[in-house]
Amino acid sequence: MNDAYKNVYPHMVECAAEAARVARGVTAERLSEPSHCTDWDIRTLVNHWVLYTSHGLEHRALRKQLPEELTARDFTAEPGWAAAYAEQLDRAVAAWDDPAVWDGEVDLGTAKMPAADIASMIVKELAVHGWDVAAATGQRFDVSDGTARFVLDVVDTHAELYRRYDGFADPVDVSEDAPAFERALAHSGRDPRRATV
């Protein structure tokens, strides 16, 4: 069995389930409120999250590019968007439930990356943007200790790449013995002490 499938896939399943739960807690009234992501209101944040962590996750598994129609869609304008997101997450996670999908590379259009790296980075997106949405809407994003350590490792591995493209802000100071998920958030430029915006 492919080691990446065995080691990463369970974290994907866990984070997708938690993301679906948090999405169901986002009310329409809050979508126009600010988030702590620079210049993004909650609607913009949620649309980014839905696009890349569900549609993007599935398309990467299928080795397909995201169609322009999806990148321009306001998912939150659609009735029942949270339920639709949960269904799309299920399809995306199912697409990765095959050890063979984890082999080889994924063509991103501008570059190619190992499939396992892409999957790991999207799991990180599920978690950190899931926390962004949760923090902005008065919720929690909870992960197990194992998944927290995994997300921390992905954040630390790719932090400089994300900062190069303004995906992460500068690290936030946090105790070295803080829980792993708090350190992952801090290392990605988020203040884990921010419960709500």
N, C-alpha and C. Protein backbone atom coordinates (compact mmCIF):
# COMPACT_ATOMS: atom_id res chain seq x y z
N MET A 1 0.84 -1.20 0.00
CA MET A 1 0.00 0.00 0.00
C MET A 1 0.87 1.26 0.00
N ASN A 2 0.47 2.23 -0.76
CA ASN A 2 1.19 3.50 -0.84
C ASN A 2 1.26 4.14 0.55
N ASP A 3 2.49 4.49 0.98
CA ASP A 3 2.67 5.06 2.32
C ASP A 3 1.92 6.37 2.50
N ALA A 4 1.91 7.22 1.46
CA ALA A 4 1.22 8.50 1.57
C ALA A 4 -0.27 8.28 1.78
N TYR A 5 -0.83 7.33 1.05
CA TYR A 5 -2.25 7.03 1.23
C TYR A 5 -2.51 6.61 2.67
N LYS A 6 -1.70 5.74 3.16
CA LYS A 6 -1.87 5.21 4.52
C LYS A 6 -1.67 6.29 5.58
N ASN A 7 -0.69 7.18 5.34
CA ASN A 7 -0.31 8.15 6.37
C ASN A 7 -1.08 9.47 6.30
N VAL A 8 -1.56 9.84 5.12
CA VAL A 8 -2.20 11.15 4.93
C VAL A 8 -3.71 11.05 4.82
N TYR A 9 -4.19 10.00 4.17
CA TYR A 9 -5.63 9.90 3.89
C TYR A 9 -6.49 10.00 5.15
N PRO A 10 -6.14 9.36 6.27
CA PRO A 10 -6.98 9.51 7.46
C PRO A 10 -7.12 10.95 7.94
N HIS A 11 -6.07 11.75 7.77
CA HIS A 11 -6.14 13.17 8.14
C HIS A 11 -7.09 13.93 7.20
N MET A 12 -7.09 13.54 5.94
CA MET A 12 -8.00 14.15 4.97
C MET A 12 -9.44 13.87 5.36
N VAL A 13 -9.72 12.63 5.70
CA VAL A 13 -11.08 12.24 6.10
C VAL A 13 -11.52 13.04 7.33
N GLU A 14 -10.65 13.15 8.31
CA GLU A 14 -10.98 13.86 9.55
C GLU A 14 -11.22 15.34 9.29
N CYS A 15 -10.32 15.97 8.56
CA CYS A 15 -10.45 17.42 8.33
C CYS A 15 -11.66 17.74 7.45
N ALA A 16 -11.96 16.88 6.50
CA ALA A 16 -13.14 17.11 5.66
C ALA A 16 -14.42 17.05 6.47
N ALA A 17 -14.50 16.10 7.38
CA ALA A 17 -15.69 15.98 8.23
C ALA A 17 -15.85 17.21 9.12
N GLU A 18 -14.74 17.69 9.68
CA GLU A 18 -14.80 18.87 10.54
C GLU A 18 -15.13 20.12 9.72
N ALA A 19 -14.59 20.22 8.51
CA ALA A 19 -14.91 21.36 7.64
C ALA A 19 -16.40 21.38 7.31
N ALA A 20 -16.96 20.23 7.01
CA ALA A 20 -18.39 20.17 6.71
C ALA A 20 -19.21 20.61 7.92
N ARG A 21 -18.79 20.21 9.11
CA ARG A 21 -19.51 20.60 10.33
C ARG A 21 -19.46 22.12 10.53
N VAL A 22 -18.28 22.71 10.35
CA VAL A 22 -18.13 24.16 10.53
C VAL A 22 -18.95 24.91 9.49
N ALA A 23 -18.96 24.43 8.26
CA ALA A 23 -19.73 25.11 7.21
C ALA A 23 -21.21 25.19 7.57
N ARG A 24 -21.73 24.14 8.17
CA ARG A 24 -23.15 24.14 8.55
C ARG A 24 -23.45 25.18 9.63
N GLY A 25 -22.42 25.64 10.33
CA GLY A 25 -22.62 26.64 11.36
C GLY A 25 -22.47 28.07 10.89
N VAL A 26 -22.24 28.28 9.60
CA VAL A 26 -22.09 29.63 9.05
C VAL A 26 -23.46 30.13 8.61
N THR A 27 -23.94 31.19 9.22
CA THR A 27 -25.26 31.73 8.87
C THR A 27 -25.13 32.78 7.77
N ALA A 28 -26.20 32.94 7.01
CA ALA A 28 -26.20 33.90 5.90
C ALA A 28 -25.91 35.31 6.38
N GLU A 29 -26.38 35.63 7.60
CA GLU A 29 -26.21 36.98 8.13
C GLU A 29 -24.75 37.34 8.35
N ARG A 30 -23.89 36.34 8.53
CA ARG A 30 -22.49 36.62 8.85
C ARG A 30 -21.60 36.74 7.61
N LEU A 31 -22.12 36.37 6.45
CA LEU A 31 -21.26 36.29 5.26
C LEU A 31 -20.65 37.63 4.87
N SER A 32 -21.33 38.72 5.17
CA SER A 32 -20.80 40.04 4.79
C SER A 32 -19.89 40.63 5.85
N GLU A 33 -19.73 39.95 6.97
CA GLU A 33 -18.87 40.45 8.04
C GLU A 33 -17.40 40.24 7.67
N PRO A 34 -16.50 41.03 8.28
CA PRO A 34 -15.07 40.86 7.98
C PRO A 34 -14.53 39.57 8.58
N SER A 35 -13.52 39.04 7.95
CA SER A 35 -12.75 37.94 8.55
C SER A 35 -11.39 38.52 8.92
N HIS A 36 -10.56 37.74 9.58
CA HIS A 36 -9.23 38.25 9.91
C HIS A 36 -8.24 38.00 8.77
N CYS A 37 -8.72 37.41 7.66
CA CYS A 37 -7.88 37.29 6.45
C CYS A 37 -7.91 38.63 5.73
N THR A 38 -6.76 39.18 5.45
CA THR A 38 -6.65 40.54 4.93
C THR A 38 -7.57 40.80 3.75
N ASP A 39 -8.40 41.84 3.88
CA ASP A 39 -9.28 42.31 2.80
C ASP A 39 -10.36 41.31 2.40
N TRP A 40 -10.54 40.24 3.13
CA TRP A 40 -11.57 39.25 2.79
C TRP A 40 -12.70 39.32 3.80
N ASP A 41 -13.93 39.42 3.30
CA ASP A 41 -15.06 39.19 4.19
C ASP A 41 -15.28 37.68 4.30
N ILE A 42 -16.23 37.28 5.14
CA ILE A 42 -16.43 35.85 5.37
C ILE A 42 -16.90 35.16 4.08
N ARG A 43 -17.70 35.84 3.27
CA ARG A 43 -18.16 35.25 2.00
C ARG A 43 -16.96 34.89 1.11
N THR A 44 -16.02 35.82 0.96
CA THR A 44 -14.85 35.58 0.11
C THR A 44 -14.02 34.44 0.66
N LEU A 45 -13.83 34.43 1.97
CA LEU A 45 -13.08 33.35 2.63
C LEU A 45 -13.74 32.01 2.39
N VAL A 46 -15.05 31.94 2.60
CA VAL A 46 -15.77 30.67 2.44
C VAL A 46 -15.72 30.21 0.99
N ASN A 47 -15.88 31.12 0.04
CA ASN A 47 -15.83 30.72 -1.36
C ASN A 47 -14.45 30.15 -1.73
N HIS A 48 -13.41 30.76 -1.24
CA HIS A 48 -12.05 30.24 -1.47
C HIS A 48 -11.90 28.85 -0.86
N TRP A 49 -12.37 28.69 0.35
CA TRP A 49 -12.30 27.42 1.08
C TRP A 49 -13.06 26.33 0.34
N VAL A 50 -14.29 26.62 -0.06
CA VAL A 50 -15.11 25.64 -0.77
C VAL A 50 -14.46 25.26 -2.10
N LEU A 51 -14.01 26.25 -2.84
CA LEU A 51 -13.43 25.98 -4.16
C LEU A 51 -12.23 25.04 -4.08
N TYR A 52 -11.25 25.40 -3.27
CA TYR A 52 -9.99 24.67 -3.30
C TYR A 52 -9.99 23.40 -2.47
N THR A 53 -10.79 23.36 -1.39
CA THR A 53 -10.72 22.17 -0.54
C THR A 53 -11.72 21.09 -0.93
N SER A 54 -12.66 21.39 -1.80
CA SER A 54 -13.59 20.34 -2.23
C SER A 54 -13.49 20.12 -3.74
N HIS A 55 -13.79 21.15 -4.52
CA HIS A 55 -13.66 20.99 -5.97
C HIS A 55 -12.19 20.81 -6.36
N GLY A 56 -11.32 21.64 -5.80
CA GLY A 56 -9.90 21.51 -6.11
C GLY A 56 -9.35 20.17 -5.69
N LEU A 57 -9.76 19.70 -4.53
CA LEU A 57 -9.28 18.42 -4.04
C LEU A 57 -9.67 17.28 -4.98
N GLU A 58 -10.92 17.30 -5.45
CA GLU A 58 -11.35 16.26 -6.38
C GLU A 58 -10.64 16.37 -7.72
N HIS A 59 -10.55 17.59 -8.25
CA HIS A 59 -9.91 17.77 -9.55
C HIS A 59 -8.45 17.35 -9.53
N ARG A 60 -7.75 17.59 -8.42
CA ARG A 60 -6.34 17.17 -8.34
C ARG A 60 -6.24 15.65 -8.37
N ALA A 61 -7.15 14.97 -7.69
CA ALA A 61 -7.14 13.51 -7.71
C ALA A 61 -7.38 12.98 -9.12
N LEU A 62 -8.29 13.64 -9.86
CA LEU A 62 -8.64 13.21 -11.21
C LEU A 62 -7.68 13.73 -12.26
N ARG A 63 -6.69 14.54 -11.82
CA ARG A 63 -5.71 15.14 -12.73
C ARG A 63 -6.38 16.03 -13.76
N LYS A 64 -7.34 16.83 -13.28
CA LYS A 64 -8.04 17.78 -14.13
C LYS A 64 -7.83 19.18 -13.60
N GLN A 65 -7.85 20.16 -14.51
CA GLN A 65 -7.76 21.56 -14.10
C GLN A 65 -9.13 22.04 -13.64
N LEU A 66 -9.14 23.00 -12.71
CA LEU A 66 -10.40 23.59 -12.29
C LEU A 66 -10.97 24.45 -13.41
N PRO A 67 -12.22 24.22 -13.81
CA PRO A 67 -12.80 25.06 -14.87
C PRO A 67 -13.04 26.48 -14.38
N GLU A 68 -12.97 27.42 -15.30
CA GLU A 68 -13.13 28.83 -14.96
C GLU A 68 -14.48 29.10 -14.31
N GLU A 69 -15.49 28.35 -14.74
CA GLU A 69 -16.84 28.54 -14.18
C GLU A 69 -16.83 28.36 -12.66
N LEU A 70 -16.05 27.39 -12.18
CA LEU A 70 -16.00 27.15 -10.75
C LEU A 70 -15.24 28.27 -10.02
N THR A 71 -14.16 28.74 -10.63
CA THR A 71 -13.35 29.75 -9.94
C THR A 71 -14.09 31.07 -9.80
N ALA A 72 -15.11 31.30 -10.62
CA ALA A 72 -15.87 32.56 -10.57
C ALA A 72 -17.17 32.42 -9.78
N ARG A 73 -17.49 31.22 -9.30
CA ARG A 73 -18.80 30.99 -8.67
C ARG A 73 -18.84 31.51 -7.24
N ASP A 74 -19.98 32.12 -6.89
CA ASP A 74 -20.26 32.46 -5.50
C ASP A 74 -21.06 31.30 -4.92
N PHE A 75 -20.37 30.37 -4.31
CA PHE A 75 -21.04 29.19 -3.77
C PHE A 75 -22.04 29.56 -2.69
N THR A 76 -21.72 30.60 -1.91
CA THR A 76 -22.58 30.96 -0.78
C THR A 76 -23.90 31.57 -1.22
N ALA A 77 -24.01 31.96 -2.50
CA ALA A 77 -25.26 32.53 -3.00
C ALA A 77 -26.29 31.44 -3.30
N GLU A 78 -25.85 30.21 -3.30
CA GLU A 78 -26.73 29.10 -3.64
C GLU A 78 -27.40 28.55 -2.38
N PRO A 79 -28.72 28.31 -2.43
CA PRO A 79 -29.41 27.74 -1.27
C PRO A 79 -28.77 26.40 -0.88
N GLY A 80 -28.59 26.20 0.40
CA GLY A 80 -28.04 24.94 0.86
C GLY A 80 -26.58 24.73 0.50
N TRP A 81 -25.82 25.83 0.41
CA TRP A 81 -24.42 25.70 -0.03
C TRP A 81 -23.61 24.82 0.92
N ALA A 82 -23.89 24.87 2.21
CA ALA A 82 -23.11 24.08 3.17
C ALA A 82 -23.33 22.59 2.95
N ALA A 83 -24.59 22.20 2.67
CA ALA A 83 -24.87 20.79 2.38
C ALA A 83 -24.21 20.39 1.07
N ALA A 84 -24.23 21.28 0.08
CA ALA A 84 -23.57 20.99 -1.20
C ALA A 84 -22.06 20.85 -1.01
N TYR A 85 -21.49 21.67 -0.14
CA TYR A 85 -20.06 21.58 0.16
C TYR A 85 -19.75 20.23 0.80
N ALA A 86 -20.58 19.80 1.74
CA ALA A 86 -20.36 18.51 2.38
C ALA A 86 -20.42 17.37 1.37
N GLU A 87 -21.36 17.45 0.45
CA GLU A 87 -21.48 16.42 -0.59
C GLU A 87 -20.26 16.43 -1.51
N GLN A 88 -19.80 17.63 -1.87
CA GLN A 88 -18.62 17.73 -2.74
C GLN A 88 -17.38 17.24 -2.00
N LEU A 89 -17.27 17.53 -0.71
CA LEU A 89 -16.17 16.99 0.08
C LEU A 89 -16.18 15.47 0.06
N ASP A 90 -17.35 14.88 0.19
CA ASP A 90 -17.45 13.41 0.15
C ASP A 90 -16.93 12.87 -1.18
N ARG A 91 -17.31 13.53 -2.28
CA ARG A 91 -16.84 13.09 -3.60
C ARG A 91 -15.31 13.25 -3.71
N ALA A 92 -14.81 14.36 -3.19
CA ALA A 92 -13.37 14.62 -3.28
C ALA A 92 -12.58 13.60 -2.47
N VAL A 93 -13.03 13.35 -1.25
CA VAL A 93 -12.34 12.38 -0.40
C VAL A 93 -12.41 10.99 -1.01
N ALA A 94 -13.55 10.65 -1.59
CA ALA A 94 -13.69 9.34 -2.26
C ALA A 94 -12.73 9.22 -3.44
N ALA A 95 -12.49 10.32 -4.13
CA ALA A 95 -11.58 10.28 -5.28
C ALA A 95 -10.15 9.95 -4.86
N TRP A 96 -9.79 10.28 -3.62
CA TRP A 96 -8.44 9.98 -3.12
C TRP A 96 -8.38 8.63 -2.42
N ASP A 97 -9.51 7.94 -2.32
CA ASP A 97 -9.54 6.66 -1.62
C ASP A 97 -9.10 5.53 -2.54
N ASP A 98 -7.93 5.70 -3.11
CA ASP A 98 -7.32 4.73 -4.02
C ASP A 98 -5.82 4.94 -3.94
N PRO A 99 -5.07 3.98 -3.44
CA PRO A 99 -3.62 4.18 -3.30
C PRO A 99 -2.93 4.61 -4.58
N ALA A 100 -3.46 4.19 -5.74
CA ALA A 100 -2.81 4.54 -7.01
C ALA A 100 -2.88 6.03 -7.30
N VAL A 101 -3.91 6.72 -6.78
CA VAL A 101 -4.06 8.15 -7.03
C VAL A 101 -2.91 8.93 -6.40
N TRP A 102 -2.31 8.36 -5.36
CA TRP A 102 -1.25 9.04 -4.63
C TRP A 102 0.10 8.93 -5.31
N ASP A 103 0.19 8.13 -6.34
CA ASP A 103 1.44 7.99 -7.09
C ASP A 103 1.54 9.08 -8.16
N GLY A 104 2.74 9.36 -8.60
CA GLY A 104 2.94 10.29 -9.70
C GLY A 104 2.79 11.74 -9.29
N GLU A 105 2.57 12.58 -10.31
CA GLU A 105 2.51 14.02 -10.11
C GLU A 105 1.16 14.57 -10.53
N VAL A 106 0.91 15.79 -10.07
CA VAL A 106 -0.28 16.54 -10.45
C VAL A 106 0.18 17.78 -11.19
N ASP A 107 -0.38 18.00 -12.37
CA ASP A 107 -0.06 19.18 -13.17
C ASP A 107 -0.94 20.33 -12.70
N LEU A 108 -0.32 21.35 -12.15
CA LEU A 108 -1.05 22.51 -11.64
C LEU A 108 -1.27 23.58 -12.70
N GLY A 109 -0.78 23.32 -13.90
CA GLY A 109 -0.88 24.31 -14.96
C GLY A 109 0.39 25.11 -15.12
N THR A 110 0.97 25.53 -14.01
CA THR A 110 2.23 26.28 -14.04
C THR A 110 3.41 25.45 -13.56
N ALA A 111 3.11 24.35 -12.89
CA ALA A 111 4.16 23.48 -12.36
C ALA A 111 3.55 22.12 -12.05
N LYS A 112 4.41 21.16 -11.81
CA LYS A 112 3.97 19.83 -11.40
C LYS A 112 4.51 19.55 -10.01
N MET A 113 3.69 18.86 -9.20
CA MET A 113 4.10 18.49 -7.86
C MET A 113 3.67 17.05 -7.60
N PRO A 114 4.39 16.35 -6.72
CA PRO A 114 3.96 15.00 -6.36
C PRO A 114 2.54 15.02 -5.80
N ALA A 115 1.75 14.04 -6.18
CA ALA A 115 0.35 13.98 -5.75
C ALA A 115 0.25 13.98 -4.23
N ALA A 116 1.14 13.27 -3.56
CA ALA A 116 1.09 13.21 -2.09
C ALA A 116 1.31 14.59 -1.47
N ASP A 117 2.19 15.40 -2.08
CA ASP A 117 2.42 16.75 -1.56
C ASP A 117 1.19 17.62 -1.75
N ILE A 118 0.57 17.51 -2.92
CA ILE A 118 -0.64 18.30 -3.19
C ILE A 118 -1.74 17.93 -2.20
N ALA A 119 -1.94 16.63 -2.00
CA ALA A 119 -2.97 16.19 -1.06
C ALA A 119 -2.69 16.71 0.34
N SER A 120 -1.45 16.64 0.76
CA SER A 120 -1.08 17.11 2.10
C SER A 120 -1.35 18.60 2.25
N MET A 121 -1.03 19.37 1.22
CA MET A 121 -1.23 20.81 1.29
C MET A 121 -2.72 21.17 1.32
N ILE A 122 -3.55 20.39 0.62
CA ILE A 122 -4.98 20.67 0.66
C ILE A 122 -5.58 20.26 2.01
N VAL A 123 -5.06 19.20 2.61
CA VAL A 123 -5.49 18.86 3.97
C VAL A 123 -5.17 20.02 4.91
N LYS A 124 -4.00 20.60 4.74
CA LYS A 124 -3.64 21.78 5.54
C LYS A 124 -4.60 22.92 5.29
N GLU A 125 -5.01 23.12 4.04
CA GLU A 125 -5.97 24.17 3.71
C GLU A 125 -7.32 23.92 4.37
N LEU A 126 -7.75 22.64 4.35
CA LEU A 126 -8.99 22.30 5.03
C LEU A 126 -8.94 22.73 6.49
N ALA A 127 -7.80 22.48 7.12
CA ALA A 127 -7.67 22.75 8.56
C ALA A 127 -7.49 24.24 8.86
N VAL A 128 -6.53 24.89 8.20
CA VAL A 128 -6.27 26.28 8.59
C VAL A 128 -7.36 27.22 8.10
N HIS A 129 -7.87 27.01 6.87
CA HIS A 129 -8.99 27.85 6.44
C HIS A 129 -10.26 27.46 7.17
N GLY A 130 -10.37 26.18 7.54
CA GLY A 130 -11.49 25.79 8.37
C GLY A 130 -11.47 26.52 9.70
N TRP A 131 -10.28 26.66 10.27
CA TRP A 131 -10.15 27.43 11.51
C TRP A 131 -10.47 28.90 11.26
N ASP A 132 -10.02 29.44 10.11
CA ASP A 132 -10.34 30.84 9.77
C ASP A 132 -11.85 31.06 9.79
N VAL A 133 -12.57 30.16 9.12
CA VAL A 133 -14.03 30.29 9.04
C VAL A 133 -14.64 30.12 10.43
N ALA A 134 -14.16 29.13 11.16
CA ALA A 134 -14.69 28.89 12.50
C ALA A 134 -14.45 30.09 13.42
N ALA A 135 -13.24 30.62 13.39
CA ALA A 135 -12.91 31.76 14.25
C ALA A 135 -13.74 32.99 13.89
N ALA A 136 -14.02 33.16 12.61
CA ALA A 136 -14.78 34.32 12.16
C ALA A 136 -16.26 34.21 12.47
N THR A 137 -16.73 33.00 12.76
CA THR A 137 -18.16 32.80 12.97
C THR A 137 -18.47 32.24 14.36
N GLY A 138 -17.53 32.40 15.28
CA GLY A 138 -17.76 32.02 16.67
C GLY A 138 -17.80 30.53 16.91
N GLN A 139 -17.05 29.77 16.11
CA GLN A 139 -17.02 28.32 16.25
C GLN A 139 -15.60 27.86 16.56
N ARG A 140 -15.47 26.55 16.75
CA ARG A 140 -14.16 25.92 16.93
C ARG A 140 -13.90 24.99 15.75
N PHE A 141 -12.63 24.82 15.42
CA PHE A 141 -12.23 23.79 14.46
C PHE A 141 -11.33 22.83 15.23
N ASP A 142 -11.85 21.64 15.49
CA ASP A 142 -11.15 20.68 16.34
C ASP A 142 -10.56 19.54 15.52
N VAL A 143 -9.31 19.21 15.81
CA VAL A 143 -8.66 18.07 15.17
C VAL A 143 -7.97 17.23 16.24
N SER A 144 -7.74 15.98 15.91
CA SER A 144 -7.04 15.10 16.84
C SER A 144 -5.57 15.51 16.95
N ASP A 145 -4.90 15.01 17.97
CA ASP A 145 -3.48 15.33 18.15
C ASP A 145 -2.66 14.89 16.95
N GLY A 146 -2.95 13.72 16.41
CA GLY A 146 -2.20 13.23 15.26
C GLY A 146 -2.37 14.10 14.04
N THR A 147 -3.60 14.53 13.79
CA THR A 147 -3.85 15.41 12.65
C THR A 147 -3.23 16.79 12.89
N ALA A 148 -3.28 17.26 14.12
CA ALA A 148 -2.65 18.54 14.44
C ALA A 148 -1.16 18.50 14.15
N ARG A 149 -0.50 17.42 14.53
CA ARG A 149 0.94 17.30 14.27
C ARG A 149 1.21 17.21 12.77
N PHE A 150 0.33 16.54 12.04
CA PHE A 150 0.48 16.45 10.59
C PHE A 150 0.36 17.84 9.96
N VAL A 151 -0.66 18.60 10.35
CA VAL A 151 -0.86 19.94 9.78
C VAL A 151 0.34 20.83 10.12
N LEU A 152 0.85 20.73 11.34
CA LEU A 152 2.02 21.51 11.72
C LEU A 152 3.20 21.18 10.83
N ASP A 153 3.41 19.92 10.55
CA ASP A 153 4.53 19.51 9.69
C ASP A 153 4.37 20.07 8.28
N VAL A 154 3.15 20.04 7.75
CA VAL A 154 2.92 20.58 6.40
C VAL A 154 3.15 22.09 6.39
N VAL A 155 2.64 22.77 7.41
CA VAL A 155 2.85 24.22 7.50
C VAL A 155 4.34 24.54 7.52
N ASP A 156 5.09 23.86 8.37
CA ASP A 156 6.52 24.15 8.49
C ASP A 156 7.29 23.78 7.24
N THR A 157 6.87 22.73 6.56
CA THR A 157 7.55 22.29 5.34
C THR A 157 7.38 23.30 4.21
N HIS A 158 6.18 23.89 4.11
CA HIS A 158 5.88 24.73 2.95
C HIS A 158 5.70 26.22 3.30
N ALA A 159 6.06 26.61 4.52
CA ALA A 159 5.79 27.99 4.95
C ALA A 159 6.42 29.03 4.04
N GLU A 160 7.67 28.83 3.68
CA GLU A 160 8.33 29.85 2.86
C GLU A 160 7.71 29.96 1.47
N LEU A 161 7.29 28.83 0.92
CA LEU A 161 6.60 28.86 -0.37
C LEU A 161 5.31 29.66 -0.27
N TYR A 162 4.54 29.43 0.78
CA TYR A 162 3.28 30.17 0.96
C TYR A 162 3.55 31.65 1.16
N ARG A 163 4.59 31.98 1.90
CA ARG A 163 4.88 33.40 2.14
C ARG A 163 5.32 34.10 0.86
N ARG A 164 6.00 33.36 0.00
CA ARG A 164 6.45 33.93 -1.26
C ARG A 164 5.26 34.40 -2.09
N TYR A 165 4.12 33.71 -1.96
CA TYR A 165 2.93 34.06 -2.73
C TYR A 165 1.83 34.67 -1.86
N ASP A 166 2.24 35.22 -0.71
CA ASP A 166 1.31 35.91 0.20
C ASP A 166 0.21 35.00 0.73
N GLY A 167 0.50 33.71 0.79
CA GLY A 167 -0.48 32.78 1.35
C GLY A 167 -0.45 32.73 2.86
N PHE A 168 0.70 33.05 3.45
CA PHE A 168 0.86 33.11 4.90
C PHE A 168 1.36 34.49 5.27
N ALA A 169 0.90 34.98 6.41
CA ALA A 169 1.48 36.18 6.99
C ALA A 169 2.72 35.78 7.80
N ASP A 170 3.38 36.76 8.40
CA ASP A 170 4.54 36.45 9.23
C ASP A 170 4.10 35.60 10.43
N PRO A 171 5.00 34.75 10.92
CA PRO A 171 4.63 33.90 12.06
C PRO A 171 4.23 34.72 13.28
N VAL A 172 3.33 34.16 14.05
CA VAL A 172 2.89 34.76 15.31
C VAL A 172 3.62 34.04 16.44
N ASP A 173 4.10 34.81 17.41
CA ASP A 173 4.79 34.18 18.54
C ASP A 173 3.83 33.31 19.35
N VAL A 174 4.30 32.12 19.68
CA VAL A 174 3.51 31.20 20.48
C VAL A 174 4.48 30.32 21.25
N SER A 175 4.07 29.86 22.40
CA SER A 175 4.93 29.02 23.22
C SER A 175 5.32 27.74 22.49
N GLU A 176 6.58 27.32 22.68
CA GLU A 176 7.06 26.11 22.03
C GLU A 176 6.34 24.86 22.53
N ASP A 177 5.73 24.96 23.72
CA ASP A 177 4.99 23.81 24.23
C ASP A 177 3.48 23.97 24.05
N ALA A 178 3.07 24.92 23.19
CA ALA A 178 1.65 25.07 22.87
C ALA A 178 1.17 23.84 22.10
N PRO A 179 -0.10 23.54 22.13
CA PRO A 179 -0.62 22.41 21.35
C PRO A 179 -0.22 22.52 19.88
N ALA A 180 -0.07 21.38 19.22
CA ALA A 180 0.44 21.36 17.85
C ALA A 180 -0.42 22.17 16.89
N PHE A 181 -1.74 22.13 17.03
CA PHE A 181 -2.58 22.88 16.10
C PHE A 181 -2.42 24.38 16.31
N GLU A 182 -2.26 24.81 17.57
CA GLU A 182 -2.01 26.22 17.82
C GLU A 182 -0.69 26.65 17.19
N ARG A 183 0.33 25.80 17.27
CA ARG A 183 1.61 26.13 16.64
C ARG A 183 1.48 26.16 15.13
N ALA A 184 0.69 25.26 14.55
CA ALA A 184 0.48 25.28 13.10
C ALA A 184 -0.17 26.58 12.68
N LEU A 185 -1.19 27.01 13.42
CA LEU A 185 -1.85 28.27 13.10
C LEU A 185 -0.88 29.44 13.24
N ALA A 186 -0.12 29.47 14.32
CA ALA A 186 0.83 30.57 14.55
C ALA A 186 1.92 30.60 13.49
N HIS A 187 2.43 29.45 13.13
CA HIS A 187 3.49 29.40 12.12
C HIS A 187 2.98 29.81 10.74
N SER A 188 1.66 29.71 10.55
CA SER A 188 1.09 30.14 9.26
C SER A 188 0.63 31.59 9.30
N GLY A 189 0.94 32.29 10.39
CA GLY A 189 0.62 33.70 10.47
C GLY A 189 -0.72 34.01 11.10
N ARG A 190 -1.31 33.03 11.76
CA ARG A 190 -2.60 33.22 12.41
C ARG A 190 -2.40 33.28 13.93
N ASP A 191 -3.21 34.07 14.60
CA ASP A 191 -3.14 34.14 16.06
C ASP A 191 -4.12 33.14 16.64
N PRO A 192 -3.64 32.03 17.19
CA PRO A 192 -4.55 31.00 17.69
C PRO A 192 -5.38 31.43 18.88
N ARG A 193 -5.03 32.57 19.49
CA ARG A 193 -5.80 33.06 20.63
C ARG A 193 -7.03 33.83 20.19
N ARG A 194 -7.15 34.06 18.89
CA ARG A 194 -8.30 34.81 18.35
C ARG A 194 -9.47 33.85 18.21
N ALA A 195 -10.38 33.90 19.14
CA ALA A 195 -11.53 32.99 19.09
C ALA A 195 -12.56 33.47 18.07
N THR A 196 -12.78 34.79 18.03
CA THR A 196 -13.72 35.35 17.06
C THR A 196 -13.13 36.67 16.55
N VAL A 197 -13.66 37.14 15.44
CA VAL A 197 -13.18 38.40 14.87
C VAL A 197 -13.80 39.56 15.63
